[in-house]
Amino acid sequence: MQRHYHSYSDLPGALPLFPLAGVVLLPRGHLPLNIFEPRYLEMVDHALKGERLIGMIQLTESEDTVLSPRLSQVGCAGKLISFQETGDNRYLISLAGICRFRLTGERAATAPWRTGLCDFAPFAADLAQPGEEDFPRERLLAALKAYLTSRDMKADWKSVLTAPGEALINALSMMCPFGPVEKQALLEASTFHERASTLMALLEIGGDTDTTILN
């Protein structure tokens, strides 16, 4: 049975962390992940035995050059809502964003993955039911069209035109290939309108992108 979190105090004070640069999870967003490293395969097994929560957080240093790279100060707890094991020892999972957290420290290593000490209190509003949020959709559509055209990218325009405001802003914030700094700014936006304004500005100035297809 899926547990619903009504208060930040319902969430655990520590989470297994999945650090990735350029990838963020937003509250009520959905993030598919392809897990193949042995330590993170083990981490998913561990999460499946408990509350199925994983903390998504960005790296601020490369794992290629630093043994224990620094992490961003804000991440987001995700609920593991789908799981598939492949024939070549990978897990295909999907996380549903629950609530952002401020990283206050880490537990001493007792497992191959890192465990973060998480303060959810600053983001308690993430758990509230969202209302209908109005924003300049025409501006967003114009910026998105120009952004995609300039990079030979595609979008499902039917979904873009019909998606509720928060779902659309979250999906574009997570899927557009902005750089880690821009992704973190979208994650840390304090309100829906701040995130929408940041997203539109990034689309309008081009962001830091590579050629990608949005389906």
N, C-alpha and C. Protein backbone atom coordinates (compact mmCIF):
# COMPACT_ATOMS: atom_id res chain seq x y z
N MET A 1 0.84 -1.18 0.00
CA MET A 1 0.00 0.00 0.00
C MET A 1 0.89 1.25 0.00
N GLN A 2 0.54 2.23 -0.87
CA GLN A 2 1.34 3.44 -0.93
C GLN A 2 1.01 4.36 0.24
N ARG A 3 2.04 4.81 0.92
CA ARG A 3 1.85 5.70 2.04
C ARG A 3 1.77 7.14 1.57
N HIS A 4 0.87 7.91 2.17
CA HIS A 4 0.75 9.33 1.85
C HIS A 4 1.35 10.14 2.99
N TYR A 5 2.11 11.16 2.63
CA TYR A 5 2.78 11.99 3.62
C TYR A 5 2.02 13.31 3.74
N HIS A 6 1.45 13.53 4.92
CA HIS A 6 0.63 14.71 5.14
C HIS A 6 1.42 15.84 5.80
N SER A 7 2.52 15.50 6.45
CA SER A 7 3.35 16.48 7.14
C SER A 7 4.81 16.11 6.94
N TYR A 8 5.67 17.12 6.95
CA TYR A 8 7.10 16.83 6.79
C TYR A 8 7.63 15.94 7.91
N SER A 9 6.95 15.98 9.07
CA SER A 9 7.38 15.15 10.20
C SER A 9 7.13 13.67 9.94
N ASP A 10 6.32 13.34 8.92
CA ASP A 10 6.09 11.94 8.56
C ASP A 10 7.26 11.35 7.79
N LEU A 11 8.12 12.20 7.29
CA LEU A 11 9.23 11.74 6.46
C LEU A 11 10.45 11.41 7.32
N PRO A 12 11.26 10.45 6.90
CA PRO A 12 12.42 10.04 7.70
C PRO A 12 13.49 11.11 7.72
N GLY A 13 14.28 11.12 8.77
CA GLY A 13 15.34 12.11 8.91
C GLY A 13 16.58 11.80 8.11
N ALA A 14 16.65 10.61 7.52
CA ALA A 14 17.80 10.22 6.71
C ALA A 14 17.31 9.44 5.50
N LEU A 15 17.97 9.65 4.38
CA LEU A 15 17.58 8.98 3.13
C LEU A 15 18.82 8.48 2.40
N PRO A 16 18.71 7.32 1.72
CA PRO A 16 19.76 6.95 0.78
C PRO A 16 19.78 7.96 -0.35
N LEU A 17 20.97 8.39 -0.75
CA LEU A 17 21.10 9.44 -1.75
C LEU A 17 21.53 8.87 -3.10
N PHE A 18 20.91 9.39 -4.15
CA PHE A 18 21.34 9.08 -5.51
C PHE A 18 21.82 10.39 -6.14
N PRO A 19 23.14 10.64 -6.09
CA PRO A 19 23.67 11.92 -6.59
C PRO A 19 23.91 11.86 -8.10
N LEU A 20 23.34 12.82 -8.80
CA LEU A 20 23.55 12.93 -10.24
C LEU A 20 23.64 14.40 -10.62
N ALA A 21 24.60 14.75 -11.43
CA ALA A 21 24.70 16.13 -11.92
C ALA A 21 23.76 16.30 -13.10
N GLY A 22 23.05 17.42 -13.13
CA GLY A 22 22.17 17.72 -14.25
C GLY A 22 20.82 17.04 -14.20
N VAL A 23 20.50 16.41 -13.07
CA VAL A 23 19.21 15.72 -12.92
C VAL A 23 18.58 16.17 -11.61
N VAL A 24 17.34 16.65 -11.69
CA VAL A 24 16.60 17.01 -10.48
C VAL A 24 15.22 16.39 -10.53
N LEU A 25 14.68 16.17 -9.35
CA LEU A 25 13.31 15.70 -9.16
C LEU A 25 12.55 16.80 -8.43
N LEU A 26 11.34 17.09 -8.89
CA LEU A 26 10.51 18.12 -8.27
C LEU A 26 9.30 17.48 -7.58
N PRO A 27 8.79 18.10 -6.54
CA PRO A 27 7.59 17.58 -5.88
C PRO A 27 6.46 17.39 -6.90
N ARG A 28 5.86 16.22 -6.89
CA ARG A 28 4.78 15.81 -7.78
C ARG A 28 5.25 15.59 -9.22
N GLY A 29 6.58 15.65 -9.42
CA GLY A 29 7.13 15.29 -10.72
C GLY A 29 7.43 13.80 -10.76
N HIS A 30 7.69 13.27 -11.95
CA HIS A 30 8.01 11.86 -12.12
C HIS A 30 9.31 11.73 -12.90
N LEU A 31 10.21 10.93 -12.36
CA LEU A 31 11.55 10.80 -12.93
C LEU A 31 11.87 9.33 -13.21
N PRO A 32 12.02 8.95 -14.50
CA PRO A 32 12.48 7.58 -14.82
C PRO A 32 13.99 7.51 -14.72
N LEU A 33 14.49 6.40 -14.20
CA LEU A 33 15.93 6.22 -14.03
C LEU A 33 16.35 4.84 -14.47
N ASN A 34 17.52 4.76 -15.07
CA ASN A 34 18.14 3.50 -15.47
C ASN A 34 19.29 3.24 -14.50
N ILE A 35 19.14 2.25 -13.62
CA ILE A 35 20.12 1.97 -12.57
C ILE A 35 20.98 0.78 -12.99
N PHE A 36 22.31 0.98 -13.01
CA PHE A 36 23.18 -0.11 -13.44
C PHE A 36 24.42 -0.28 -12.55
N GLU A 37 24.83 0.76 -11.82
CA GLU A 37 25.99 0.60 -10.95
C GLU A 37 25.64 -0.33 -9.78
N PRO A 38 26.54 -1.26 -9.44
CA PRO A 38 26.23 -2.22 -8.36
C PRO A 38 25.80 -1.56 -7.05
N ARG A 39 26.46 -0.46 -6.64
CA ARG A 39 26.12 0.16 -5.37
C ARG A 39 24.70 0.72 -5.39
N TYR A 40 24.26 1.21 -6.54
CA TYR A 40 22.91 1.77 -6.61
C TYR A 40 21.85 0.70 -6.86
N LEU A 41 22.26 -0.40 -7.48
CA LEU A 41 21.35 -1.56 -7.53
C LEU A 41 21.06 -2.04 -6.10
N GLU A 42 22.11 -2.08 -5.29
CA GLU A 42 21.94 -2.48 -3.89
C GLU A 42 21.11 -1.46 -3.12
N MET A 43 21.30 -0.19 -3.44
CA MET A 43 20.52 0.86 -2.78
C MET A 43 19.03 0.72 -3.09
N VAL A 44 18.70 0.42 -4.35
CA VAL A 44 17.30 0.22 -4.72
C VAL A 44 16.72 -0.98 -3.98
N ASP A 45 17.49 -2.06 -3.89
CA ASP A 45 17.03 -3.23 -3.12
C ASP A 45 16.72 -2.82 -1.68
N HIS A 46 17.61 -2.02 -1.11
CA HIS A 46 17.41 -1.55 0.27
C HIS A 46 16.14 -0.70 0.37
N ALA A 47 15.93 0.20 -0.58
CA ALA A 47 14.74 1.06 -0.54
C ALA A 47 13.46 0.24 -0.68
N LEU A 48 13.50 -0.77 -1.51
CA LEU A 48 12.30 -1.60 -1.72
C LEU A 48 11.88 -2.34 -0.46
N LYS A 49 12.84 -2.60 0.43
CA LYS A 49 12.53 -3.31 1.67
C LYS A 49 11.97 -2.37 2.74
N GLY A 50 12.09 -1.08 2.54
CA GLY A 50 11.65 -0.10 3.54
C GLY A 50 10.53 0.76 3.01
N GLU A 51 10.69 2.08 3.14
CA GLU A 51 9.65 3.01 2.74
C GLU A 51 9.71 3.39 1.27
N ARG A 52 10.66 2.82 0.54
CA ARG A 52 10.80 3.06 -0.91
C ARG A 52 11.10 4.52 -1.22
N LEU A 53 11.83 5.18 -0.35
CA LEU A 53 12.21 6.56 -0.55
C LEU A 53 13.69 6.69 -0.89
N ILE A 54 14.00 7.53 -1.86
CA ILE A 54 15.36 7.81 -2.29
C ILE A 54 15.51 9.32 -2.41
N GLY A 55 16.64 9.85 -1.97
CA GLY A 55 16.89 11.27 -2.09
C GLY A 55 17.67 11.58 -3.36
N MET A 56 17.04 12.31 -4.28
CA MET A 56 17.74 12.76 -5.48
C MET A 56 18.44 14.08 -5.16
N ILE A 57 19.72 14.16 -5.52
CA ILE A 57 20.48 15.37 -5.22
C ILE A 57 21.59 15.51 -6.26
N GLN A 58 21.96 16.74 -6.56
CA GLN A 58 22.99 16.95 -7.57
C GLN A 58 24.39 16.96 -6.97
N LEU A 59 25.33 16.44 -7.73
CA LEU A 59 26.76 16.57 -7.42
C LEU A 59 27.23 17.96 -7.82
N THR A 60 28.15 18.51 -7.06
CA THR A 60 28.78 19.78 -7.46
C THR A 60 30.25 19.57 -7.82
N GLU A 61 30.72 18.33 -7.73
CA GLU A 61 32.07 17.96 -8.15
C GLU A 61 31.99 16.65 -8.92
N SER A 62 32.96 16.39 -9.74
CA SER A 62 32.97 15.18 -10.54
C SER A 62 33.42 13.97 -9.72
N GLU A 63 32.72 12.86 -9.89
CA GLU A 63 33.12 11.61 -9.23
C GLU A 63 34.40 11.06 -9.84
N ASP A 64 34.79 11.56 -11.01
CA ASP A 64 36.01 11.08 -11.66
C ASP A 64 37.26 11.63 -10.99
N THR A 65 37.12 12.74 -10.26
CA THR A 65 38.30 13.38 -9.69
C THR A 65 38.30 13.45 -8.17
N VAL A 66 37.15 13.21 -7.53
CA VAL A 66 37.03 13.32 -6.08
C VAL A 66 36.36 12.06 -5.53
N LEU A 67 36.94 11.50 -4.48
CA LEU A 67 36.42 10.26 -3.92
C LEU A 67 35.01 10.44 -3.37
N SER A 68 34.78 11.53 -2.65
CA SER A 68 33.46 11.81 -2.09
C SER A 68 33.07 13.23 -2.49
N PRO A 69 32.52 13.40 -3.70
CA PRO A 69 32.24 14.74 -4.22
C PRO A 69 31.23 15.50 -3.35
N ARG A 70 31.38 16.83 -3.35
CA ARG A 70 30.42 17.67 -2.64
C ARG A 70 29.06 17.57 -3.30
N LEU A 71 28.03 17.76 -2.48
CA LEU A 71 26.65 17.69 -2.95
C LEU A 71 25.98 19.04 -2.82
N SER A 72 24.96 19.26 -3.63
CA SER A 72 24.13 20.46 -3.48
C SER A 72 23.47 20.44 -2.10
N GLN A 73 23.05 21.58 -1.64
CA GLN A 73 22.44 21.68 -0.32
C GLN A 73 20.95 21.34 -0.32
N VAL A 74 20.34 21.30 -1.50
CA VAL A 74 18.91 21.00 -1.58
C VAL A 74 18.68 19.87 -2.57
N GLY A 75 17.88 18.88 -2.15
CA GLY A 75 17.49 17.77 -3.01
C GLY A 75 16.00 17.52 -2.85
N CYS A 76 15.54 16.38 -3.36
CA CYS A 76 14.11 16.06 -3.26
C CYS A 76 13.94 14.57 -3.01
N ALA A 77 13.09 14.24 -2.06
CA ALA A 77 12.78 12.84 -1.77
C ALA A 77 11.83 12.30 -2.84
N GLY A 78 12.13 11.11 -3.34
CA GLY A 78 11.28 10.47 -4.34
C GLY A 78 10.80 9.13 -3.86
N LYS A 79 9.54 8.85 -4.14
CA LYS A 79 8.95 7.55 -3.82
C LYS A 79 9.11 6.63 -5.02
N LEU A 80 9.64 5.44 -4.80
CA LEU A 80 9.83 4.48 -5.87
C LEU A 80 8.47 3.86 -6.21
N ILE A 81 7.93 4.27 -7.37
CA ILE A 81 6.55 3.86 -7.71
C ILE A 81 6.49 2.81 -8.81
N SER A 82 7.59 2.59 -9.52
CA SER A 82 7.60 1.49 -10.48
C SER A 82 9.00 0.91 -10.54
N PHE A 83 9.06 -0.38 -10.85
CA PHE A 83 10.33 -1.12 -10.80
C PHE A 83 10.28 -2.24 -11.82
N GLN A 84 11.34 -2.32 -12.63
CA GLN A 84 11.47 -3.42 -13.59
C GLN A 84 12.91 -3.86 -13.64
N GLU A 85 13.13 -5.15 -13.58
CA GLU A 85 14.48 -5.71 -13.67
C GLU A 85 14.71 -6.23 -15.07
N THR A 86 15.84 -5.85 -15.68
CA THR A 86 16.14 -6.27 -17.04
C THR A 86 17.00 -7.53 -17.04
N GLY A 87 17.16 -8.10 -18.23
CA GLY A 87 17.95 -9.32 -18.35
C GLY A 87 19.44 -9.09 -18.24
N ASP A 88 19.88 -7.83 -18.33
CA ASP A 88 21.31 -7.54 -18.24
C ASP A 88 21.66 -6.84 -16.92
N ASN A 89 20.91 -7.16 -15.88
CA ASN A 89 21.21 -6.71 -14.51
C ASN A 89 21.12 -5.19 -14.36
N ARG A 90 20.06 -4.63 -14.91
CA ARG A 90 19.75 -3.22 -14.66
C ARG A 90 18.36 -3.13 -14.04
N TYR A 91 18.12 -2.03 -13.36
CA TYR A 91 16.78 -1.72 -12.86
C TYR A 91 16.27 -0.49 -13.59
N LEU A 92 15.06 -0.57 -14.08
CA LEU A 92 14.36 0.59 -14.64
C LEU A 92 13.31 1.00 -13.62
N ILE A 93 13.51 2.16 -13.02
CA ILE A 93 12.62 2.57 -11.95
C ILE A 93 12.03 3.95 -12.27
N SER A 94 11.00 4.31 -11.53
CA SER A 94 10.42 5.64 -11.63
C SER A 94 10.19 6.17 -10.23
N LEU A 95 10.59 7.42 -10.01
CA LEU A 95 10.39 8.08 -8.72
C LEU A 95 9.34 9.17 -8.85
N ALA A 96 8.47 9.26 -7.87
CA ALA A 96 7.50 10.34 -7.77
C ALA A 96 7.99 11.31 -6.71
N GLY A 97 8.13 12.58 -7.07
CA GLY A 97 8.65 13.57 -6.13
C GLY A 97 7.69 13.82 -4.98
N ILE A 98 8.21 13.80 -3.75
CA ILE A 98 7.38 13.97 -2.55
C ILE A 98 7.60 15.34 -1.93
N CYS A 99 8.83 15.65 -1.54
CA CYS A 99 9.12 16.89 -0.83
C CYS A 99 10.61 17.18 -0.93
N ARG A 100 10.95 18.45 -1.11
CA ARG A 100 12.36 18.83 -1.11
C ARG A 100 12.93 18.79 0.31
N PHE A 101 14.23 18.73 0.40
CA PHE A 101 14.90 18.74 1.71
C PHE A 101 16.19 19.54 1.62
N ARG A 102 16.62 20.02 2.78
CA ARG A 102 17.93 20.64 2.90
C ARG A 102 18.87 19.61 3.51
N LEU A 103 20.00 19.38 2.87
CA LEU A 103 20.97 18.41 3.36
C LEU A 103 21.75 19.03 4.51
N THR A 104 21.64 18.44 5.68
CA THR A 104 22.31 18.99 6.85
C THR A 104 23.57 18.21 7.24
N GLY A 105 23.80 17.09 6.59
CA GLY A 105 24.97 16.27 6.89
C GLY A 105 24.81 14.90 6.28
N GLU A 106 25.74 14.02 6.60
CA GLU A 106 25.67 12.64 6.13
C GLU A 106 26.01 11.69 7.27
N ARG A 107 25.40 10.52 7.22
CA ARG A 107 25.75 9.47 8.17
C ARG A 107 27.09 8.86 7.78
N ALA A 108 27.80 8.37 8.77
CA ALA A 108 29.03 7.64 8.50
C ALA A 108 28.72 6.45 7.59
N ALA A 109 29.60 6.19 6.65
CA ALA A 109 29.34 5.16 5.65
C ALA A 109 29.24 3.77 6.27
N THR A 110 28.09 3.14 6.10
CA THR A 110 27.90 1.74 6.50
C THR A 110 27.43 0.90 5.32
N ALA A 111 27.28 1.55 4.16
CA ALA A 111 26.79 0.89 2.95
C ALA A 111 27.54 1.49 1.76
N PRO A 112 27.45 0.88 0.60
CA PRO A 112 28.16 1.40 -0.58
C PRO A 112 27.64 2.75 -1.06
N TRP A 113 26.41 3.10 -0.68
CA TRP A 113 25.85 4.39 -1.08
C TRP A 113 25.93 5.39 0.06
N ARG A 114 25.70 6.67 -0.26
CA ARG A 114 25.73 7.72 0.76
C ARG A 114 24.34 7.93 1.34
N THR A 115 24.30 8.25 2.63
CA THR A 115 23.03 8.49 3.34
C THR A 115 23.02 9.92 3.85
N GLY A 116 22.02 10.67 3.45
CA GLY A 116 21.95 12.07 3.82
C GLY A 116 21.03 12.32 5.00
N LEU A 117 21.41 13.28 5.84
CA LEU A 117 20.54 13.77 6.91
C LEU A 117 19.72 14.90 6.33
N CYS A 118 18.40 14.77 6.38
CA CYS A 118 17.51 15.61 5.59
C CYS A 118 16.56 16.42 6.47
N ASP A 119 16.53 17.71 6.23
CA ASP A 119 15.61 18.60 6.93
C ASP A 119 14.52 19.02 5.93
N PHE A 120 13.32 18.51 6.15
CA PHE A 120 12.20 18.80 5.25
C PHE A 120 11.42 20.04 5.66
N ALA A 121 11.63 20.53 6.87
CA ALA A 121 10.83 21.64 7.40
C ALA A 121 10.80 22.87 6.50
N PRO A 122 11.93 23.29 5.90
CA PRO A 122 11.88 24.50 5.07
C PRO A 122 10.97 24.36 3.85
N PHE A 123 10.61 23.12 3.50
CA PHE A 123 9.83 22.88 2.29
C PHE A 123 8.50 22.19 2.61
N ALA A 124 7.98 22.43 3.81
CA ALA A 124 6.74 21.78 4.24
C ALA A 124 5.60 22.04 3.26
N ALA A 125 5.60 23.21 2.60
CA ALA A 125 4.52 23.55 1.68
C ALA A 125 4.47 22.62 0.47
N ASP A 126 5.56 21.89 0.19
CA ASP A 126 5.56 20.94 -0.93
C ASP A 126 4.49 19.87 -0.76
N LEU A 127 4.10 19.59 0.48
CA LEU A 127 3.15 18.51 0.75
C LEU A 127 1.70 18.97 0.66
N ALA A 128 1.48 20.27 0.50
CA ALA A 128 0.11 20.78 0.38
C ALA A 128 -0.44 20.46 -1.00
N GLN A 129 -1.75 20.30 -1.07
CA GLN A 129 -2.39 20.05 -2.36
C GLN A 129 -2.28 21.31 -3.21
N PRO A 130 -1.75 21.19 -4.44
CA PRO A 130 -1.59 22.39 -5.27
C PRO A 130 -2.94 22.88 -5.79
N GLY A 131 -3.07 24.19 -5.89
CA GLY A 131 -4.26 24.76 -6.50
C GLY A 131 -4.02 24.99 -7.99
N GLU A 132 -5.01 25.53 -8.66
CA GLU A 132 -4.85 25.88 -10.06
C GLU A 132 -4.00 27.15 -10.14
N GLU A 133 -2.85 27.04 -10.75
CA GLU A 133 -1.93 28.17 -10.82
C GLU A 133 -1.97 28.79 -12.22
N ASP A 134 -2.14 30.10 -12.27
CA ASP A 134 -2.16 30.81 -13.54
C ASP A 134 -0.76 31.35 -13.83
N PHE A 135 -0.35 31.33 -15.08
CA PHE A 135 0.93 31.88 -15.49
C PHE A 135 0.82 32.23 -16.98
N PRO A 136 1.73 33.02 -17.50
CA PRO A 136 1.64 33.43 -18.91
C PRO A 136 1.98 32.29 -19.87
N ARG A 137 1.00 31.43 -20.11
CA ARG A 137 1.22 30.23 -20.92
C ARG A 137 1.66 30.59 -22.34
N GLU A 138 1.11 31.67 -22.91
CA GLU A 138 1.49 32.06 -24.27
C GLU A 138 2.98 32.39 -24.33
N ARG A 139 3.47 33.06 -23.31
CA ARG A 139 4.90 33.38 -23.27
C ARG A 139 5.73 32.10 -23.20
N LEU A 140 5.28 31.15 -22.37
CA LEU A 140 6.00 29.89 -22.23
C LEU A 140 6.02 29.13 -23.56
N LEU A 141 4.87 29.06 -24.24
CA LEU A 141 4.79 28.32 -25.50
C LEU A 141 5.69 28.94 -26.56
N ALA A 142 5.72 30.27 -26.61
CA ALA A 142 6.57 30.93 -27.60
C ALA A 142 8.04 30.67 -27.30
N ALA A 143 8.43 30.76 -26.02
CA ALA A 143 9.81 30.52 -25.63
C ALA A 143 10.21 29.06 -25.89
N LEU A 144 9.30 28.15 -25.57
CA LEU A 144 9.59 26.73 -25.76
C LEU A 144 9.74 26.39 -27.24
N LYS A 145 8.87 26.95 -28.07
CA LYS A 145 8.95 26.67 -29.51
C LYS A 145 10.27 27.14 -30.08
N ALA A 146 10.69 28.37 -29.71
CA ALA A 146 11.96 28.89 -30.21
C ALA A 146 13.14 28.06 -29.69
N TYR A 147 13.08 27.67 -28.43
CA TYR A 147 14.15 26.88 -27.81
C TYR A 147 14.31 25.54 -28.52
N LEU A 148 13.19 24.86 -28.77
CA LEU A 148 13.24 23.55 -29.43
C LEU A 148 13.69 23.67 -30.88
N THR A 149 13.15 24.66 -31.57
CA THR A 149 13.49 24.84 -32.98
C THR A 149 14.98 25.09 -33.17
N SER A 150 15.55 25.91 -32.30
CA SER A 150 16.97 26.26 -32.44
C SER A 150 17.89 25.07 -32.18
N ARG A 151 17.36 24.04 -31.54
CA ARG A 151 18.18 22.87 -31.21
C ARG A 151 17.71 21.60 -31.91
N ASP A 152 16.81 21.76 -32.89
CA ASP A 152 16.29 20.61 -33.63
C ASP A 152 15.72 19.56 -32.69
N MET A 153 14.97 20.01 -31.69
CA MET A 153 14.33 19.14 -30.71
C MET A 153 12.84 19.08 -30.99
N LYS A 154 12.18 18.08 -30.45
CA LYS A 154 10.76 17.87 -30.67
C LYS A 154 10.03 17.79 -29.34
N ALA A 155 8.73 18.07 -29.36
CA ALA A 155 7.90 17.97 -28.16
C ALA A 155 6.56 17.37 -28.53
N ASP A 156 5.90 16.79 -27.56
CA ASP A 156 4.53 16.33 -27.72
C ASP A 156 3.63 17.53 -27.46
N TRP A 157 3.31 18.26 -28.52
CA TRP A 157 2.60 19.54 -28.35
C TRP A 157 1.19 19.34 -27.81
N LYS A 158 0.56 18.22 -28.08
CA LYS A 158 -0.77 17.96 -27.52
C LYS A 158 -0.69 17.94 -25.99
N SER A 159 0.33 17.27 -25.46
CA SER A 159 0.51 17.23 -24.01
C SER A 159 0.88 18.61 -23.47
N VAL A 160 1.73 19.33 -24.19
CA VAL A 160 2.13 20.66 -23.74
C VAL A 160 0.93 21.58 -23.64
N LEU A 161 0.04 21.52 -24.61
CA LEU A 161 -1.10 22.43 -24.67
C LEU A 161 -2.18 22.09 -23.65
N THR A 162 -2.24 20.83 -23.24
CA THR A 162 -3.35 20.41 -22.35
C THR A 162 -2.92 20.15 -20.92
N ALA A 163 -1.63 20.11 -20.64
CA ALA A 163 -1.16 19.78 -19.29
C ALA A 163 -1.52 20.87 -18.30
N PRO A 164 -1.90 20.50 -17.07
CA PRO A 164 -2.09 21.51 -16.01
C PRO A 164 -0.81 22.29 -15.78
N GLY A 165 -0.93 23.51 -15.25
CA GLY A 165 0.20 24.40 -15.11
C GLY A 165 1.37 23.81 -14.37
N GLU A 166 1.14 23.29 -13.16
CA GLU A 166 2.25 22.78 -12.37
C GLU A 166 2.90 21.58 -13.04
N ALA A 167 2.09 20.67 -13.59
CA ALA A 167 2.64 19.48 -14.24
C ALA A 167 3.51 19.87 -15.43
N LEU A 168 3.09 20.88 -16.18
CA LEU A 168 3.85 21.32 -17.34
C LEU A 168 5.17 21.98 -16.93
N ILE A 169 5.10 22.89 -15.97
CA ILE A 169 6.32 23.57 -15.51
C ILE A 169 7.30 22.56 -14.93
N ASN A 170 6.80 21.62 -14.12
CA ASN A 170 7.67 20.61 -13.52
C ASN A 170 8.32 19.74 -14.59
N ALA A 171 7.51 19.26 -15.54
CA ALA A 171 8.03 18.36 -16.57
C ALA A 171 9.11 19.05 -17.40
N LEU A 172 8.85 20.29 -17.82
CA LEU A 172 9.85 21.00 -18.62
C LEU A 172 11.10 21.32 -17.81
N SER A 173 10.91 21.67 -16.54
CA SER A 173 12.07 21.96 -15.69
C SER A 173 12.96 20.74 -15.53
N MET A 174 12.36 19.57 -15.45
CA MET A 174 13.12 18.34 -15.25
C MET A 174 13.71 17.81 -16.55
N MET A 175 12.97 17.98 -17.68
CA MET A 175 13.36 17.33 -18.92
C MET A 175 14.27 18.17 -19.81
N CYS A 176 14.11 19.49 -19.80
CA CYS A 176 14.95 20.32 -20.66
C CYS A 176 16.42 20.20 -20.24
N PRO A 177 17.33 20.10 -21.18
CA PRO A 177 18.73 19.83 -20.85
C PRO A 177 19.51 21.08 -20.44
N PHE A 178 19.05 21.75 -19.39
CA PHE A 178 19.80 22.86 -18.83
C PHE A 178 21.01 22.31 -18.06
N GLY A 179 21.93 23.20 -17.73
CA GLY A 179 23.08 22.80 -16.95
C GLY A 179 22.73 22.61 -15.48
N PRO A 180 23.65 22.04 -14.70
CA PRO A 180 23.38 21.77 -13.28
C PRO A 180 23.00 23.00 -12.48
N VAL A 181 23.64 24.14 -12.75
CA VAL A 181 23.33 25.35 -11.99
C VAL A 181 21.89 25.80 -12.26
N GLU A 182 21.50 25.76 -13.53
CA GLU A 182 20.14 26.14 -13.90
C GLU A 182 19.12 25.16 -13.33
N LYS A 183 19.45 23.87 -13.38
CA LYS A 183 18.55 22.86 -12.80
C LYS A 183 18.35 23.10 -11.31
N GLN A 184 19.43 23.45 -10.63
CA GLN A 184 19.34 23.67 -9.18
C GLN A 184 18.50 24.90 -8.89
N ALA A 185 18.62 25.93 -9.72
CA ALA A 185 17.80 27.13 -9.53
C ALA A 185 16.32 26.80 -9.68
N LEU A 186 15.98 25.94 -10.62
CA LEU A 186 14.58 25.53 -10.80
C LEU A 186 14.11 24.73 -9.60
N LEU A 187 14.96 23.85 -9.09
CA LEU A 187 14.61 23.04 -7.93
C LEU A 187 14.37 23.92 -6.71
N GLU A 188 15.22 24.90 -6.50
CA GLU A 188 15.18 25.69 -5.28
C GLU A 188 14.20 26.87 -5.35
N ALA A 189 13.55 27.07 -6.49
CA ALA A 189 12.57 28.15 -6.59
C ALA A 189 11.54 28.02 -5.48
N SER A 190 11.28 29.10 -4.78
CA SER A 190 10.45 29.02 -3.57
C SER A 190 8.97 28.89 -3.85
N THR A 191 8.51 29.35 -5.01
CA THR A 191 7.09 29.28 -5.34
C THR A 191 6.92 28.79 -6.77
N PHE A 192 5.70 28.40 -7.10
CA PHE A 192 5.39 27.99 -8.46
C PHE A 192 5.71 29.12 -9.45
N HIS A 193 5.31 30.34 -9.11
CA HIS A 193 5.51 31.46 -10.03
C HIS A 193 6.98 31.77 -10.22
N GLU A 194 7.78 31.61 -9.16
CA GLU A 194 9.22 31.81 -9.30
C GLU A 194 9.82 30.76 -10.22
N ARG A 195 9.38 29.51 -10.08
CA ARG A 195 9.91 28.45 -10.95
C ARG A 195 9.47 28.68 -12.40
N ALA A 196 8.21 29.05 -12.61
CA ALA A 196 7.73 29.31 -13.96
C ALA A 196 8.50 30.46 -14.60
N SER A 197 8.73 31.53 -13.85
CA SER A 197 9.47 32.68 -14.38
C SER A 197 10.90 32.30 -14.71
N THR A 198 11.54 31.50 -13.83
CA THR A 198 12.91 31.06 -14.07
C THR A 198 12.98 30.19 -15.31
N LEU A 199 12.02 29.26 -15.45
CA LEU A 199 11.99 28.38 -16.61
C LEU A 199 11.84 29.19 -17.89
N MET A 200 10.92 30.14 -17.91
CA MET A 200 10.71 30.92 -19.13
C MET A 200 11.94 31.74 -19.47
N ALA A 201 12.60 32.30 -18.46
CA ALA A 201 13.82 33.06 -18.71
C ALA A 201 14.91 32.16 -19.30
N LEU A 202 15.05 30.95 -18.76
CA LEU A 202 16.07 30.03 -19.27
C LEU A 202 15.78 29.62 -20.71
N LEU A 203 14.51 29.39 -21.01
CA LEU A 203 14.15 29.05 -22.38
C LEU A 203 14.45 30.21 -23.32
N GLU A 204 14.16 31.41 -22.86
CA GLU A 204 14.34 32.59 -23.71
C GLU A 204 15.81 32.90 -23.97
N ILE A 205 16.66 32.66 -23.01
CA ILE A 205 18.08 32.97 -23.23
C ILE A 205 18.86 31.77 -23.76
N GLY A 206 18.19 30.63 -23.88
CA GLY A 206 18.84 29.47 -24.49
C GLY A 206 19.34 28.44 -23.52
N GLY A 207 19.66 28.77 -22.28
CA GLY A 207 20.17 27.81 -21.31
C GLY A 207 21.51 27.23 -21.74
N ASP A 208 21.87 26.15 -21.10
CA ASP A 208 23.12 25.43 -21.37
C ASP A 208 22.70 24.06 -21.83
N THR A 209 22.67 23.79 -23.14
CA THR A 209 21.98 22.61 -23.66
C THR A 209 22.85 21.77 -24.56
N ASP A 210 22.40 20.54 -24.72
CA ASP A 210 22.89 19.63 -25.77
C ASP A 210 21.67 19.21 -26.57
N THR A 211 21.91 18.66 -27.78
CA THR A 211 20.79 18.22 -28.60
C THR A 211 20.13 17.02 -27.97
N THR A 212 18.81 17.10 -27.76
CA THR A 212 18.06 16.05 -27.09
C THR A 212 16.67 16.01 -27.71
N ILE A 213 15.99 14.89 -27.55
CA ILE A 213 14.61 14.77 -28.01
C ILE A 213 13.70 14.70 -26.79
N LEU A 214 12.69 15.55 -26.76
CA LEU A 214 11.66 15.49 -25.73
C LEU A 214 10.47 14.77 -26.29
N ASN A 215 10.09 13.65 -25.71
CA ASN A 215 8.94 12.89 -26.18
C ASN A 215 7.76 13.10 -25.26
